[in-house]
Amino acid sequence: MNEYHVTSLVVHAAADQTEQVKVRIEALPGTEVPAMNEIGKLVVVVEGESRGALLDIFEQIKALPGVLAATLVFHQVENESPENKIEGVG
C-alpha cells in the first residue's frame, strides 16, 4: 500500500519578493501556492509519497532567497494516492 502525504505551510516572504518566492516555490516538485497577499504571506501546499520528501521540500523552501520564515500548519497521511494529486507527484 502506498502512502500519500500532504502538508500545508504558511510562508512569510519579503514583501518586494513575494512573486519571485511564489515562482521559486512552485518550481519545486509537488508544490502549489493557492493563496498569497501583497505583504508577503503565502499559503503553500506540498504533496509527496513520504514524510522525508516533504521535509526536504520544507527545508528547501525555508532556504529560498526572500523567504523570512516558513511554518508547518498541517500534515496528513493517507494510505492510498488520491485521484486529484498535484501534477508531477507520484
N, C-alpha and C. Protein backbone atom coordinates (compact mmCIF):
# COMPACT_ATOMS: atom_id res chain seq x y z
N MET A 1 0.85 -1.18 0.00
CA MET A 1 0.00 0.00 0.00
C MET A 1 0.89 1.24 0.00
N ASN A 2 0.60 2.18 -0.88
CA ASN A 2 1.37 3.42 -0.97
C ASN A 2 0.85 4.46 -0.01
N GLU A 3 1.77 5.21 0.56
CA GLU A 3 1.37 6.35 1.39
C GLU A 3 1.33 7.60 0.54
N TYR A 4 0.44 8.47 0.91
CA TYR A 4 0.29 9.78 0.27
C TYR A 4 0.30 10.81 1.39
N HIS A 5 1.21 11.76 1.30
CA HIS A 5 1.35 12.79 2.33
C HIS A 5 0.98 14.14 1.73
N VAL A 6 0.29 14.94 2.51
CA VAL A 6 0.01 16.32 2.13
C VAL A 6 0.26 17.19 3.34
N THR A 7 0.87 18.33 3.10
CA THR A 7 1.15 19.26 4.18
C THR A 7 0.88 20.67 3.69
N SER A 8 0.61 21.56 4.61
CA SER A 8 0.46 22.97 4.25
C SER A 8 1.38 23.80 5.14
N LEU A 9 1.84 24.87 4.54
CA LEU A 9 2.75 25.80 5.21
C LEU A 9 2.24 27.21 5.05
N VAL A 10 2.61 28.05 5.98
CA VAL A 10 2.48 29.49 5.80
C VAL A 10 3.90 30.01 5.65
N VAL A 11 4.15 30.70 4.55
CA VAL A 11 5.47 31.24 4.27
C VAL A 11 5.38 32.76 4.33
N HIS A 12 6.32 33.36 5.02
CA HIS A 12 6.41 34.82 5.08
C HIS A 12 7.62 35.22 4.25
N ALA A 13 7.38 36.00 3.21
CA ALA A 13 8.44 36.45 2.31
C ALA A 13 8.59 37.96 2.42
N ALA A 14 9.75 38.45 2.02
CA ALA A 14 9.93 39.89 1.92
C ALA A 14 8.87 40.40 0.94
N ALA A 15 8.17 41.46 1.32
CA ALA A 15 7.03 41.94 0.53
C ALA A 15 7.40 42.24 -0.92
N ASP A 16 8.59 42.75 -1.14
CA ASP A 16 9.00 43.10 -2.50
C ASP A 16 9.48 41.89 -3.31
N GLN A 17 9.48 40.70 -2.69
CA GLN A 17 9.94 39.49 -3.37
C GLN A 17 8.88 38.39 -3.40
N THR A 18 7.66 38.75 -3.04
CA THR A 18 6.60 37.74 -2.92
C THR A 18 6.39 36.96 -4.20
N GLU A 19 6.30 37.64 -5.32
CA GLU A 19 6.05 36.95 -6.60
C GLU A 19 7.22 36.04 -6.96
N GLN A 20 8.44 36.49 -6.75
CA GLN A 20 9.61 35.66 -7.05
C GLN A 20 9.64 34.41 -6.15
N VAL A 21 9.28 34.59 -4.88
CA VAL A 21 9.24 33.45 -3.96
C VAL A 21 8.18 32.46 -4.42
N LYS A 22 7.03 32.95 -4.83
CA LYS A 22 5.96 32.07 -5.33
C LYS A 22 6.46 31.24 -6.51
N VAL A 23 7.12 31.87 -7.46
CA VAL A 23 7.63 31.18 -8.64
C VAL A 23 8.65 30.12 -8.23
N ARG A 24 9.55 30.47 -7.30
CA ARG A 24 10.57 29.52 -6.85
C ARG A 24 9.95 28.31 -6.13
N ILE A 25 8.94 28.59 -5.30
CA ILE A 25 8.27 27.50 -4.59
C ILE A 25 7.58 26.57 -5.57
N GLU A 26 6.84 27.14 -6.52
CA GLU A 26 6.10 26.30 -7.45
C GLU A 26 7.00 25.56 -8.43
N ALA A 27 8.29 25.91 -8.48
CA ALA A 27 9.25 25.16 -9.30
C ALA A 27 9.69 23.87 -8.60
N LEU A 28 9.42 23.77 -7.30
CA LEU A 28 9.77 22.57 -6.55
C LEU A 28 8.71 21.50 -6.79
N PRO A 29 9.11 20.22 -6.84
CA PRO A 29 8.15 19.16 -7.14
C PRO A 29 7.06 19.02 -6.08
N GLY A 30 5.81 18.88 -6.55
CA GLY A 30 4.69 18.63 -5.65
C GLY A 30 4.20 19.84 -4.88
N THR A 31 4.55 21.05 -5.32
CA THR A 31 4.15 22.24 -4.58
C THR A 31 3.13 23.07 -5.35
N GLU A 32 2.35 23.80 -4.58
CA GLU A 32 1.36 24.72 -5.14
C GLU A 32 1.20 25.88 -4.16
N VAL A 33 1.02 27.08 -4.69
CA VAL A 33 0.74 28.26 -3.85
C VAL A 33 -0.67 28.73 -4.21
N PRO A 34 -1.69 28.26 -3.45
CA PRO A 34 -3.06 28.61 -3.78
C PRO A 34 -3.48 30.02 -3.34
N ALA A 35 -2.69 30.63 -2.43
CA ALA A 35 -3.07 31.97 -1.96
C ALA A 35 -1.83 32.73 -1.52
N MET A 36 -1.86 34.04 -1.76
CA MET A 36 -0.79 34.93 -1.29
C MET A 36 -1.35 36.34 -1.23
N ASN A 37 -0.65 37.21 -0.52
CA ASN A 37 -1.09 38.60 -0.47
C ASN A 37 0.09 39.54 -0.70
N GLU A 38 -0.20 40.82 -0.74
CA GLU A 38 0.80 41.83 -1.09
C GLU A 38 1.80 42.11 0.02
N ILE A 39 1.55 41.63 1.23
CA ILE A 39 2.50 41.88 2.32
C ILE A 39 3.46 40.71 2.55
N GLY A 40 3.40 39.70 1.66
CA GLY A 40 4.38 38.63 1.71
C GLY A 40 3.96 37.35 2.37
N LYS A 41 2.68 37.14 2.61
CA LYS A 41 2.21 35.88 3.19
C LYS A 41 1.75 34.97 2.06
N LEU A 42 2.22 33.70 2.10
CA LEU A 42 1.84 32.72 1.10
C LEU A 42 1.35 31.45 1.80
N VAL A 43 0.31 30.84 1.26
CA VAL A 43 -0.13 29.53 1.70
C VAL A 43 0.44 28.55 0.69
N VAL A 44 1.12 27.53 1.19
CA VAL A 44 1.78 26.56 0.32
C VAL A 44 1.27 25.16 0.65
N VAL A 45 0.94 24.40 -0.39
CA VAL A 45 0.54 23.00 -0.24
C VAL A 45 1.63 22.16 -0.88
N VAL A 46 2.06 21.12 -0.16
CA VAL A 46 3.08 20.21 -0.68
C VAL A 46 2.54 18.79 -0.58
N GLU A 47 2.64 18.05 -1.68
CA GLU A 47 2.21 16.66 -1.73
C GLU A 47 3.40 15.78 -2.06
N GLY A 48 3.42 14.56 -1.50
CA GLY A 48 4.51 13.64 -1.79
C GLY A 48 4.21 12.25 -1.27
N GLU A 49 5.15 11.36 -1.52
CA GLU A 49 4.96 9.96 -1.16
C GLU A 49 5.61 9.56 0.16
N SER A 50 6.34 10.51 0.80
CA SER A 50 6.95 10.19 2.08
C SER A 50 7.11 11.45 2.92
N ARG A 51 7.17 11.24 4.22
CA ARG A 51 7.40 12.36 5.14
C ARG A 51 8.76 13.00 4.87
N GLY A 52 9.76 12.15 4.59
CA GLY A 52 11.10 12.65 4.31
C GLY A 52 11.14 13.57 3.09
N ALA A 53 10.40 13.20 2.04
CA ALA A 53 10.35 14.04 0.84
C ALA A 53 9.74 15.40 1.16
N LEU A 54 8.68 15.40 1.97
CA LEU A 54 8.05 16.67 2.34
C LEU A 54 8.99 17.53 3.19
N LEU A 55 9.71 16.89 4.10
CA LEU A 55 10.65 17.64 4.93
C LEU A 55 11.77 18.24 4.10
N ASP A 56 12.22 17.51 3.08
CA ASP A 56 13.24 18.06 2.18
C ASP A 56 12.73 19.30 1.46
N ILE A 57 11.51 19.25 0.96
CA ILE A 57 10.91 20.41 0.29
C ILE A 57 10.75 21.57 1.27
N PHE A 58 10.31 21.27 2.49
CA PHE A 58 10.16 22.29 3.53
C PHE A 58 11.48 23.01 3.78
N GLU A 59 12.55 22.25 3.90
CA GLU A 59 13.88 22.84 4.11
C GLU A 59 14.31 23.67 2.91
N GLN A 60 14.01 23.21 1.71
CA GLN A 60 14.35 23.97 0.51
C GLN A 60 13.58 25.29 0.48
N ILE A 61 12.32 25.27 0.85
CA ILE A 61 11.51 26.49 0.87
C ILE A 61 12.08 27.48 1.88
N LYS A 62 12.43 27.00 3.07
CA LYS A 62 12.99 27.90 4.10
C LYS A 62 14.29 28.54 3.64
N ALA A 63 15.04 27.87 2.77
CA ALA A 63 16.33 28.38 2.31
C ALA A 63 16.23 29.26 1.07
N LEU A 64 15.05 29.42 0.50
CA LEU A 64 14.92 30.22 -0.71
C LEU A 64 15.21 31.69 -0.45
N PRO A 65 15.84 32.38 -1.41
CA PRO A 65 16.04 33.82 -1.28
C PRO A 65 14.70 34.53 -1.13
N GLY A 66 14.61 35.45 -0.20
CA GLY A 66 13.39 36.21 0.02
C GLY A 66 12.46 35.62 1.06
N VAL A 67 12.70 34.37 1.47
CA VAL A 67 11.85 33.75 2.49
C VAL A 67 12.36 34.16 3.87
N LEU A 68 11.48 34.75 4.66
CA LEU A 68 11.82 35.18 6.02
C LEU A 68 11.51 34.09 7.04
N ALA A 69 10.41 33.35 6.82
CA ALA A 69 10.01 32.28 7.73
C ALA A 69 9.05 31.35 7.01
N ALA A 70 9.04 30.09 7.46
CA ALA A 70 8.09 29.10 6.96
C ALA A 70 7.63 28.28 8.15
N THR A 71 6.33 28.12 8.27
CA THR A 71 5.75 27.41 9.41
C THR A 71 4.84 26.30 8.92
N LEU A 72 5.07 25.09 9.41
CA LEU A 72 4.23 23.95 9.09
C LEU A 72 2.90 24.12 9.81
N VAL A 73 1.80 24.00 9.07
CA VAL A 73 0.48 24.20 9.65
C VAL A 73 -0.30 22.89 9.75
N PHE A 74 -0.10 22.01 8.78
CA PHE A 74 -0.93 20.81 8.69
C PHE A 74 -0.14 19.70 8.01
N HIS A 75 -0.33 18.46 8.45
CA HIS A 75 0.26 17.29 7.79
C HIS A 75 -0.71 16.14 7.92
N GLN A 76 -1.00 15.49 6.80
CA GLN A 76 -1.90 14.35 6.81
C GLN A 76 -1.30 13.23 5.97
N VAL A 77 -1.53 11.99 6.41
CA VAL A 77 -1.05 10.81 5.69
C VAL A 77 -2.26 9.96 5.34
N GLU A 78 -2.34 9.57 4.08
CA GLU A 78 -3.37 8.64 3.61
C GLU A 78 -2.66 7.39 3.12
N ASN A 79 -3.34 6.28 3.13
CA ASN A 79 -2.76 5.02 2.70
C ASN A 79 -2.88 4.76 1.21
N GLU A 80 -3.62 5.58 0.49
CA GLU A 80 -3.75 5.43 -0.95
C GLU A 80 -3.62 6.79 -1.61
N SER A 81 -3.11 6.83 -2.82
CA SER A 81 -2.99 8.08 -3.59
C SER A 81 -4.38 8.57 -3.99
N PRO A 82 -4.63 9.87 -3.84
CA PRO A 82 -5.93 10.41 -4.23
C PRO A 82 -6.01 10.57 -5.75
N GLU A 83 -7.20 10.73 -6.25
CA GLU A 83 -7.42 10.92 -7.68
C GLU A 83 -6.90 12.27 -8.15
N ASN A 84 -6.97 13.31 -7.31
CA ASN A 84 -6.65 14.67 -7.73
C ASN A 84 -5.37 15.18 -7.09
N LYS A 85 -4.24 14.51 -7.31
CA LYS A 85 -2.97 14.98 -6.78
C LYS A 85 -2.45 16.12 -7.64
N ILE A 86 -1.49 16.87 -7.09
CA ILE A 86 -0.82 17.90 -7.87
C ILE A 86 -0.03 17.19 -8.97
N GLU A 87 -0.13 17.68 -10.17
CA GLU A 87 0.53 17.06 -11.32
C GLU A 87 2.03 16.95 -11.09
N GLY A 88 2.61 15.83 -11.45
CA GLY A 88 4.03 15.62 -11.34
C GLY A 88 4.45 14.94 -10.04
N VAL A 89 3.52 14.65 -9.15
CA VAL A 89 3.85 13.99 -7.88
C VAL A 89 3.37 12.56 -7.96
N GLY A 90 4.23 11.64 -7.60
CA GLY A 90 3.85 10.23 -7.54
C GLY A 90 3.79 9.66 -8.89
